[in-house]
């Protein structure tokens, strides 16, 4: 529904201003389904998802303009909600129209609250259309949870979502096609960084990611087990710290 996406995006200002009521919209006449595979989501599931995400927004100040802490808290909570409740495969989550539907049909008011229009009244298209999933309001959260989910922690598999600050997580996830393409490596980077106590954590993390990015150009890190990955990350991090403190 690319044409429908453009139409709905153009109406976002009405939703944000309260002139349009998004609560009645569960689907659109131009919605289509995959020709094969999977099960169609039930209306009640969509309503339940919308209510849960909206509840998270309300708990973080919606509809008042959110501050930094509110935005970060909302993102962490909704990442858990989306990944745990939607039942998406990675292939399904790679489809741009899935996220365009969620942002422009099911939850346009919440997404417009999370990423409001600028002073000129313009919304950033990437946050709604799914043109760049690393910047989409909801897709980036699902992928963050997908990459950081720790299957070894039965009590809280999503603990890594809160292990680092928002800026540090963005540093990692912005490299989704390189460093973050190896989830086990990302989880080890987050774990090692969270365990560190030095005061230069952010600068070290940025330098470490650059070093790992260079390594992924000629090494297949998917073959390394957890102990080998930990050794690699600790070694490269030690080099980063040495370079930054010398």
C-alpha atoms as a PDB file:
ATOM      1  CA  UNK A   1       0.000   0.000   0.000  1.00  0.00           C
ATOM      2  CA  UNK A   2       2.684   2.589  -0.905  1.00  0.00           C
ATOM      3  CA  UNK A   3       0.112   5.076  -2.235  1.00  0.00           C
ATOM      4  CA  UNK A   4      -1.993   4.648   0.902  1.00  0.00           C
ATOM      5  CA  UNK A   5       1.113   5.228   3.002  1.00  0.00           C
ATOM      6  CA  UNK A   6       1.623   8.620   1.403  1.00  0.00           C
ATOM      7  CA  UNK A   7      -2.045   9.540   1.922  1.00  0.00           C
ATOM      8  CA  UNK A   8      -1.987   8.562   5.594  1.00  0.00           C
ATOM      9  CA  UNK A   9       1.323  10.315   6.211  1.00  0.00           C
ATOM     10  CA  UNK A  10      -0.137  13.507   4.768  1.00  0.00           C
ATOM     11  CA  UNK A  11      -2.953  13.302   7.338  1.00  0.00           C
ATOM     12  CA  UNK A  12      -0.663  13.007  10.355  1.00  0.00           C
ATOM     13  CA  UNK A  13      -1.068  16.658  11.249  1.00  0.00           C
ATOM     14  CA  UNK A  14      -4.807  16.084  11.756  1.00  0.00           C
ATOM     15  CA  UNK A  15      -4.108  13.140  14.071  1.00  0.00           C
ATOM     16  CA  UNK A  16      -1.541  15.102  16.088  1.00  0.00           C
ATOM     17  CA  UNK A  17      -3.933  18.038  16.426  1.00  0.00           C
ATOM     18  CA  UNK A  18      -6.789  15.798  17.543  1.00  0.00           C
ATOM     19  CA  UNK A  19      -8.857  16.602  14.441  1.00  0.00           C
ATOM     20  CA  UNK A  20      -8.898  12.918  13.477  1.00  0.00           C
ATOM     21  CA  UNK A  21      -9.674  10.033  15.813  1.00  0.00           C
ATOM     22  CA  UNK A  22      -7.269   7.127  15.224  1.00  0.00           C
ATOM     23  CA  UNK A  23      -8.998   4.911  17.793  1.00  0.00           C
ATOM     24  CA  UNK A  24     -11.549   3.714  15.218  1.00  0.00           C
ATOM     25  CA  UNK A  25      -8.904   2.582  12.730  1.00  0.00           C
ATOM     26  CA  UNK A  26      -7.772  -1.010  12.851  1.00  0.00           C
ATOM     27  CA  UNK A  27      -7.258  -1.539   9.163  1.00  0.00           C
ATOM     28  CA  UNK A  28      -7.415   0.285   5.852  1.00  0.00           C
ATOM     29  CA  UNK A  29      -9.312  -0.640   2.717  1.00  0.00           C
ATOM     30  CA  UNK A  30      -6.041  -0.972   0.822  1.00  0.00           C
ATOM     31  CA  UNK A  31      -4.379  -3.364   3.258  1.00  0.00           C
ATOM     32  CA  UNK A  32      -3.087  -6.558   1.654  1.00  0.00           C
ATOM     33  CA  UNK A  33      -1.802  -9.861   3.017  1.00  0.00           C
ATOM     34  CA  UNK A  34       1.044 -12.103   1.959  1.00  0.00           C
ATOM     35  CA  UNK A  35       0.065 -14.615  -0.717  1.00  0.00           C
ATOM     36  CA  UNK A  36       1.304 -17.537   1.354  1.00  0.00           C
ATOM     37  CA  UNK A  37       2.628 -18.430   4.775  1.00  0.00           C
ATOM     38  CA  UNK A  38       1.756 -17.229   8.242  1.00  0.00           C
ATOM     39  CA  UNK A  39      -1.582 -16.495   9.871  1.00  0.00           C
ATOM     40  CA  UNK A  40      -3.636 -13.342   9.618  1.00  0.00           C
ATOM     41  CA  UNK A  41      -3.604 -11.390  12.837  1.00  0.00           C
ATOM     42  CA  UNK A  42      -6.959 -11.208  14.612  1.00  0.00           C
ATOM     43  CA  UNK A  43      -8.671  -7.878  15.221  1.00  0.00           C
ATOM     44  CA  UNK A  44      -8.631  -8.445  18.981  1.00  0.00           C
ATOM     45  CA  UNK A  45      -4.862  -8.906  18.891  1.00  0.00           C
ATOM     46  CA  UNK A  46      -4.424  -5.596  17.093  1.00  0.00           C
ATOM     47  CA  UNK A  47      -6.659  -3.826  19.579  1.00  0.00           C
ATOM     48  CA  UNK A  48      -4.754  -5.415  22.454  1.00  0.00           C
ATOM     49  CA  UNK A  49      -1.417  -4.330  21.005  1.00  0.00           C
ATOM     50  CA  UNK A  50      -2.655  -0.790  20.489  1.00  0.00           C
ATOM     51  CA  UNK A  51      -3.980  -0.559  24.034  1.00  0.00           C
ATOM     52  CA  UNK A  52      -0.766  -1.871  25.536  1.00  0.00           C
ATOM     53  CA  UNK A  53       1.447   0.543  23.588  1.00  0.00           C
ATOM     54  CA  UNK A  54      -0.881   3.451  24.355  1.00  0.00           C
ATOM     55  CA  UNK A  55      -0.811   2.540  28.028  1.00  0.00           C
ATOM     56  CA  UNK A  56       2.974   2.735  27.910  1.00  0.00           C
ATOM     57  CA  UNK A  57       2.732   6.169  26.295  1.00  0.00           C
ATOM     58  CA  UNK A  58       0.253   7.420  28.917  1.00  0.00           C
ATOM     59  CA  UNK A  59       2.499   6.146  31.695  1.00  0.00           C
ATOM     60  CA  UNK A  60       5.299   8.250  30.196  1.00  0.00           C
ATOM     61  CA  UNK A  61       3.318  11.468  29.916  1.00  0.00           C
ATOM     62  CA  UNK A  62       1.197  11.191  26.765  1.00  0.00           C
ATOM     63  CA  UNK A  63      -0.205  13.461  25.383  1.00  0.00           C
ATOM     64  CA  UNK A  64       2.178  16.046  26.894  1.00  0.00           C
ATOM     65  CA  UNK A  65       5.371  16.522  24.905  1.00  0.00           C
ATOM     66  CA  UNK A  66       7.855  13.952  26.268  1.00  0.00           C
ATOM     67  CA  UNK A  67      11.227  14.766  27.744  1.00  0.00           C
ATOM     68  CA  UNK A  68      14.363  12.667  27.397  1.00  0.00           C
ATOM     69  CA  UNK A  69      13.586  10.337  30.309  1.00  0.00           C
ATOM     70  CA  UNK A  70      10.015   9.794  29.126  1.00  0.00           C
ATOM     71  CA  UNK A  71      11.147   9.005  25.584  1.00  0.00           C
ATOM     72  CA  UNK A  72      13.783   6.562  26.757  1.00  0.00           C
ATOM     73  CA  UNK A  73      11.449   4.859  29.209  1.00  0.00           C
ATOM     74  CA  UNK A  74       8.754   4.521  26.553  1.00  0.00           C
ATOM     75  CA  UNK A  75      11.217   3.054  24.047  1.00  0.00           C
ATOM     76  CA  UNK A  76      12.517   0.430  26.463  1.00  0.00           C
ATOM     77  CA  UNK A  77       9.040  -0.655  27.508  1.00  0.00           C
ATOM     78  CA  UNK A  78       7.588  -0.750  23.999  1.00  0.00           C
ATOM     79  CA  UNK A  79      10.549  -2.716  22.660  1.00  0.00           C
ATOM     80  CA  UNK A  80       9.592  -5.460  25.098  1.00  0.00           C
ATOM     81  CA  UNK A  81       5.903  -5.216  24.197  1.00  0.00           C
ATOM     82  CA  UNK A  82       6.387  -5.383  20.445  1.00  0.00           C
ATOM     83  CA  UNK A  83       8.850  -8.238  20.440  1.00  0.00           C
ATOM     84  CA  UNK A  84       7.088 -10.351  23.044  1.00  0.00           C
ATOM     85  CA  UNK A  85       3.541  -9.967  21.721  1.00  0.00           C
ATOM     86  CA  UNK A  86       3.687  -9.615  17.936  1.00  0.00           C
ATOM     87  CA  UNK A  87       5.122 -13.039  17.070  1.00  0.00           C
ATOM     88  CA  UNK A  88       6.974 -11.717  14.013  1.00  0.00           C
ATOM     89  CA  UNK A  89       9.730 -13.540  12.213  1.00  0.00           C
ATOM     90  CA  UNK A  90      12.769 -11.538  11.119  1.00  0.00           C
ATOM     91  CA  UNK A  91      11.546 -11.785   7.534  1.00  0.00           C
ATOM     92  CA  UNK A  92       8.164 -10.322   8.423  1.00  0.00           C
ATOM     93  CA  UNK A  93       9.800  -7.593  10.495  1.00  0.00           C
ATOM     94  CA  UNK A  94      11.883  -6.635   7.456  1.00  0.00           C
ATOM     95  CA  UNK A  95       8.781  -5.652   5.498  1.00  0.00           C
ATOM     96  CA  UNK A  96       8.435  -1.888   5.419  1.00  0.00           C
ATOM     97  CA  UNK A  97       4.665  -1.923   4.988  1.00  0.00           C
ATOM     98  CA  UNK A  98       4.214  -3.827   8.249  1.00  0.00           C
ATOM     99  CA  UNK A  99       5.678  -0.881  10.111  1.00  0.00           C
ATOM    100  CA  UNK A 100       3.967   1.723   7.942  1.00  0.00           C
ATOM    101  CA  UNK A 101       0.656   0.122   8.924  1.00  0.00           C
ATOM    102  CA  UNK A 102       1.489   0.156  12.634  1.00  0.00           C
ATOM    103  CA  UNK A 103       2.666   3.774  12.623  1.00  0.00           C
ATOM    104  CA  UNK A 104       0.069   5.261  10.282  1.00  0.00           C
ATOM    105  CA  UNK A 105      -3.051   3.154  10.912  1.00  0.00           C
ATOM    106  CA  UNK A 106      -2.886   1.458  14.301  1.00  0.00           C
ATOM    107  CA  UNK A 107      -0.803   3.915  16.364  1.00  0.00           C
ATOM    108  CA  UNK A 108      -0.425   7.228  14.510  1.00  0.00           C
ATOM    109  CA  UNK A 109      -1.220   9.321  17.591  1.00  0.00           C
ATOM    110  CA  UNK A 110       1.393   7.585  19.729  1.00  0.00           C
ATOM    111  CA  UNK A 111       4.057   7.726  17.027  1.00  0.00           C
ATOM    112  CA  UNK A 112       3.313  11.406  16.397  1.00  0.00           C
ATOM    113  CA  UNK A 113       3.678  11.979  20.152  1.00  0.00           C
ATOM    114  CA  UNK A 114       7.008  10.129  20.284  1.00  0.00           C
ATOM    115  CA  UNK A 115       8.390  11.966  17.246  1.00  0.00           C
ATOM    116  CA  UNK A 116       6.375  15.181  16.942  1.00  0.00           C
ATOM    117  CA  UNK A 117       6.456  17.575  14.017  1.00  0.00           C
ATOM    118  CA  UNK A 118       9.176  20.209  13.836  1.00  0.00           C
ATOM    119  CA  UNK A 119       8.567  23.933  14.221  1.00  0.00           C
ATOM    120  CA  UNK A 120       7.408  24.059  10.606  1.00  0.00           C
ATOM    121  CA  UNK A 121       4.767  21.399  11.294  1.00  0.00           C
ATOM    122  CA  UNK A 122       6.573  18.710   9.304  1.00  0.00           C
ATOM    123  CA  UNK A 123       6.999  15.113  10.413  1.00  0.00           C
ATOM    124  CA  UNK A 124      10.100  13.058   9.581  1.00  0.00           C
ATOM    125  CA  UNK A 125       8.976  10.455   7.034  1.00  0.00           C
ATOM    126  CA  UNK A 126      11.436   7.766   8.178  1.00  0.00           C
ATOM    127  CA  UNK A 127       9.756   7.668  11.583  1.00  0.00           C
ATOM    128  CA  UNK A 128       6.446   6.591  10.049  1.00  0.00           C
ATOM    129  CA  UNK A 129       6.762   5.146   6.540  1.00  0.00           C
ATOM    130  CA  UNK A 130       9.276   2.367   7.158  1.00  0.00           C
ATOM    131  CA  UNK A 131      11.691   3.689   4.543  1.00  0.00           C
ATOM    132  CA  UNK A 132      14.531   3.189   7.026  1.00  0.00           C
ATOM    133  CA  UNK A 133      13.746   0.583   9.685  1.00  0.00           C
ATOM    134  CA  UNK A 134      16.648   1.721  11.873  1.00  0.00           C
ATOM    135  CA  UNK A 135      14.835   5.069  12.275  1.00  0.00           C
ATOM    136  CA  UNK A 136      11.191   3.982  12.278  1.00  0.00           C
ATOM    137  CA  UNK A 137       9.398   4.762  15.549  1.00  0.00           C
ATOM    138  CA  UNK A 138       8.448   1.134  16.220  1.00  0.00           C
ATOM    139  CA  UNK A 139      10.570  -1.011  13.896  1.00  0.00           C
ATOM    140  CA  UNK A 140      13.821   0.148  15.491  1.00  0.00           C
ATOM    141  CA  UNK A 141      12.478  -0.971  18.887  1.00  0.00           C
ATOM    142  CA  UNK A 142      11.452  -4.427  17.668  1.00  0.00           C
ATOM    143  CA  UNK A 143      14.849  -4.955  16.048  1.00  0.00           C
ATOM    144  CA  UNK A 144      16.616  -3.712  19.155  1.00  0.00           C
ATOM    145  CA  UNK A 145      14.781  -6.334  21.221  1.00  0.00           C
ATOM    146  CA  UNK A 146      15.401  -8.980  18.560  1.00  0.00           C
ATOM    147  CA  UNK A 147      19.146  -8.400  18.582  1.00  0.00           C
ATOM    148  CA  UNK A 148      19.523  -7.931  22.345  1.00  0.00           C
ATOM    149  CA  UNK A 149      17.236 -10.719  23.561  1.00  0.00           C
ATOM    150  CA  UNK A 150      19.246 -12.978  25.885  1.00  0.00           C
ATOM    151  CA  UNK A 151      17.860 -16.517  25.700  1.00  0.00           C
ATOM    152  CA  UNK A 152      20.027 -17.568  28.652  1.00  0.00           C
ATOM    153  CA  UNK A 153      18.119 -15.273  31.027  1.00  0.00           C
ATOM    154  CA  UNK A 154      14.786 -16.979  31.590  1.00  0.00           C
ATOM    155  CA  UNK A 155      13.795 -14.465  34.279  1.00  0.00           C
ATOM    156  CA  UNK A 156      14.257 -11.439  31.993  1.00  0.00           C
ATOM    157  CA  UNK A 157      15.463 -12.117  28.430  1.00  0.00           C
ATOM    158  CA  UNK A 158      15.200  -8.397  27.626  1.00  0.00           C
ATOM    159  CA  UNK A 159      17.466  -7.143  30.397  1.00  0.00           C
ATOM    160  CA  UNK A 160      20.001  -5.792  27.910  1.00  0.00           C
ATOM    161  CA  UNK A 161      17.489  -3.207  26.711  1.00  0.00           C
ATOM    162  CA  UNK A 162      18.159  -1.352  29.956  1.00  0.00           C
ATOM    163  CA  UNK A 163      21.816  -2.248  30.429  1.00  0.00           C
ATOM    164  CA  UNK A 164      23.090   0.848  28.598  1.00  0.00           C
ATOM    165  CA  UNK A 165      21.906   4.400  28.097  1.00  0.00           C
ATOM    166  CA  UNK A 166      19.895   5.336  25.025  1.00  0.00           C
ATOM    167  CA  UNK A 167      22.788   7.075  23.279  1.00  0.00           C
ATOM    168  CA  UNK A 168      25.045   4.062  23.754  1.00  0.00           C
ATOM    169  CA  UNK A 169      22.417   1.642  22.447  1.00  0.00           C
ATOM    170  CA  UNK A 170      21.923   3.865  19.418  1.00  0.00           C
ATOM    171  CA  UNK A 171      25.665   3.691  18.768  1.00  0.00           C
ATOM    172  CA  UNK A 172      25.416  -0.090  18.609  1.00  0.00           C
ATOM    173  CA  UNK A 173      22.144  -0.415  16.700  1.00  0.00           C
ATOM    174  CA  UNK A 174      23.085   2.202  14.111  1.00  0.00           C
ATOM    175  CA  UNK A 175      25.520  -0.411  12.830  1.00  0.00           C
ATOM    176  CA  UNK A 176      22.808  -3.041  12.342  1.00  0.00           C
ATOM    177  CA  UNK A 177      24.061  -4.023   8.878  1.00  0.00           C
ATOM    178  CA  UNK A 178      27.594  -4.577  10.152  1.00  0.00           C
ATOM    179  CA  UNK A 179      28.322  -5.070  13.849  1.00  0.00           C
ATOM    180  CA  UNK A 180      24.684  -5.638  14.821  1.00  0.00           C
ATOM    181  CA  UNK A 181      24.302  -8.150  12.006  1.00  0.00           C
ATOM    182  CA  UNK A 182      25.916 -10.605  14.446  1.00  0.00           C
ATOM    183  CA  UNK A 183      23.529 -10.564  17.448  1.00  0.00           C
ATOM    184  CA  UNK A 184      25.864 -12.643  19.630  1.00  0.00           C
ATOM    185  CA  UNK A 185      28.582 -10.019  19.117  1.00  0.00           C
ATOM    186  CA  UNK A 186      26.204  -7.190  20.009  1.00  0.00           C
ATOM    187  CA  UNK A 187      25.079  -8.943  23.160  1.00  0.00           C
ATOM    188  CA  UNK A 188      28.682  -9.472  24.199  1.00  0.00           C
ATOM    189  CA  UNK A 189      29.530  -5.806  23.549  1.00  0.00           C
ATOM    190  CA  UNK A 190      26.553  -4.719  25.665  1.00  0.00           C
ATOM    191  CA  UNK A 191      27.358  -7.212  28.417  1.00  0.00           C
ATOM    192  CA  UNK A 192      31.033  -6.225  28.624  1.00  0.00           C
ATOM    193  CA  UNK A 193      30.215  -2.506  28.483  1.00  0.00           C
ATOM    194  CA  UNK A 194      27.557  -2.863  31.180  1.00  0.00           C
ATOM    195  CA  UNK A 195      30.040  -4.676  33.416  1.00  0.00           C
ATOM    196  CA  UNK A 196      32.723  -2.010  33.048  1.00  0.00           C
ATOM    197  CA  UNK A 197      33.227   0.655  35.695  1.00  0.00           C
ATOM    198  CA  UNK A 198      35.593   3.082  33.966  1.00  0.00           C
ATOM    199  CA  UNK A 199      34.521   6.684  33.492  1.00  0.00           C
ATOM    200  CA  UNK A 200      35.313   6.790  29.773  1.00  0.00           C
ATOM    201  CA  UNK A 201      32.681   4.227  28.844  1.00  0.00           C
ATOM    202  CA  UNK A 202      31.007   6.079  25.965  1.00  0.00           C
ATOM    203  CA  UNK A 203      34.240   7.090  24.248  1.00  0.00           C
ATOM    204  CA  UNK A 204      35.593   3.578  24.681  1.00  0.00           C
ATOM    205  CA  UNK A 205      32.382   2.083  23.274  1.00  0.00           C
ATOM    206  CA  UNK A 206      32.551   4.249  20.180  1.00  0.00           C
ATOM    207  CA  UNK A 207      36.168   3.350  19.553  1.00  0.00           C
ATOM    208  CA  UNK A 208      35.470  -0.327  20.245  1.00  0.00           C
ATOM    209  CA  UNK A 209      32.641  -0.369  17.703  1.00  0.00           C
ATOM    210  CA  UNK A 210      34.931   1.145  15.090  1.00  0.00           C
ATOM    211  CA  UNK A 211      37.534  -1.521  15.755  1.00  0.00           C
ATOM    212  CA  UNK A 212      34.968  -4.319  15.569  1.00  0.00           C
ATOM    213  CA  UNK A 213      33.533  -2.827  12.389  1.00  0.00           C
ATOM    214  CA  UNK A 214      36.937  -3.087  10.745  1.00  0.00           C
ATOM    215  CA  UNK A 215      37.270  -6.701  11.886  1.00  0.00           C
ATOM    216  CA  UNK A 216      33.916  -7.720  10.433  1.00  0.00           C
ATOM    217  CA  UNK A 217      35.178  -6.691   7.010  1.00  0.00           C
ATOM    218  CA  UNK A 218      37.438  -9.747   6.840  1.00  0.00           C
ATOM    219  CA  UNK A 219      36.448 -12.013   9.760  1.00  0.00           C
ATOM    220  CA  UNK A 220      33.274 -14.103  10.102  1.00  0.00           C
ATOM    221  CA  UNK A 221      32.493 -13.651  13.787  1.00  0.00           C
ATOM    222  CA  UNK A 222      29.396 -15.849  13.618  1.00  0.00           C
ATOM    223  CA  UNK A 223      31.656 -18.876  14.065  1.00  0.00           C
ATOM    224  CA  UNK A 224      33.026 -17.758  17.418  1.00  0.00           C
ATOM    225  CA  UNK A 225      31.543 -19.230  20.576  1.00  0.00           C
ATOM    226  CA  UNK A 226      30.668 -17.101  23.611  1.00  0.00           C
ATOM    227  CA  UNK A 227      34.065 -17.464  25.274  1.00  0.00           C
ATOM    228  CA  UNK A 228      35.888 -16.508  22.070  1.00  0.00           C
ATOM    229  CA  UNK A 229      33.624 -13.521  21.500  1.00  0.00           C
ATOM    230  CA  UNK A 230      34.164 -12.326  25.048  1.00  0.00           C
ATOM    231  CA  UNK A 231      37.915 -12.637  24.651  1.00  0.00           C
ATOM    232  CA  UNK A 232      37.794 -10.708  21.369  1.00  0.00           C
ATOM    233  CA  UNK A 233      35.644  -7.896  22.757  1.00  0.00           C
ATOM    234  CA  UNK A 234      37.742  -7.577  25.923  1.00  0.00           C
ATOM    235  CA  UNK A 235      40.954  -7.508  23.909  1.00  0.00           C
ATOM    236  CA  UNK A 236      39.712  -4.850  21.483  1.00  0.00           C
ATOM    237  CA  UNK A 237      38.227  -2.838  24.322  1.00  0.00           C
ATOM    238  CA  UNK A 238      41.556  -2.877  26.157  1.00  0.00           C
ATOM    239  CA  UNK A 239      43.214  -1.481  23.022  1.00  0.00           C
ATOM    240  CA  UNK A 240      40.576   1.230  22.776  1.00  0.00           C
ATOM    241  CA  UNK A 241      41.085   2.212  26.405  1.00  0.00           C
ATOM    242  CA  UNK A 242      44.856   2.283  25.979  1.00  0.00           C
ATOM    243  CA  UNK A 243      44.599   4.476  22.890  1.00  0.00           C
ATOM    244  CA  UNK A 244      42.176   6.894  24.525  1.00  0.00           C
ATOM    245  CA  UNK A 245      44.085   7.267  27.775  1.00  0.00           C
ATOM    246  CA  UNK A 246      47.626   7.442  26.376  1.00  0.00           C
END
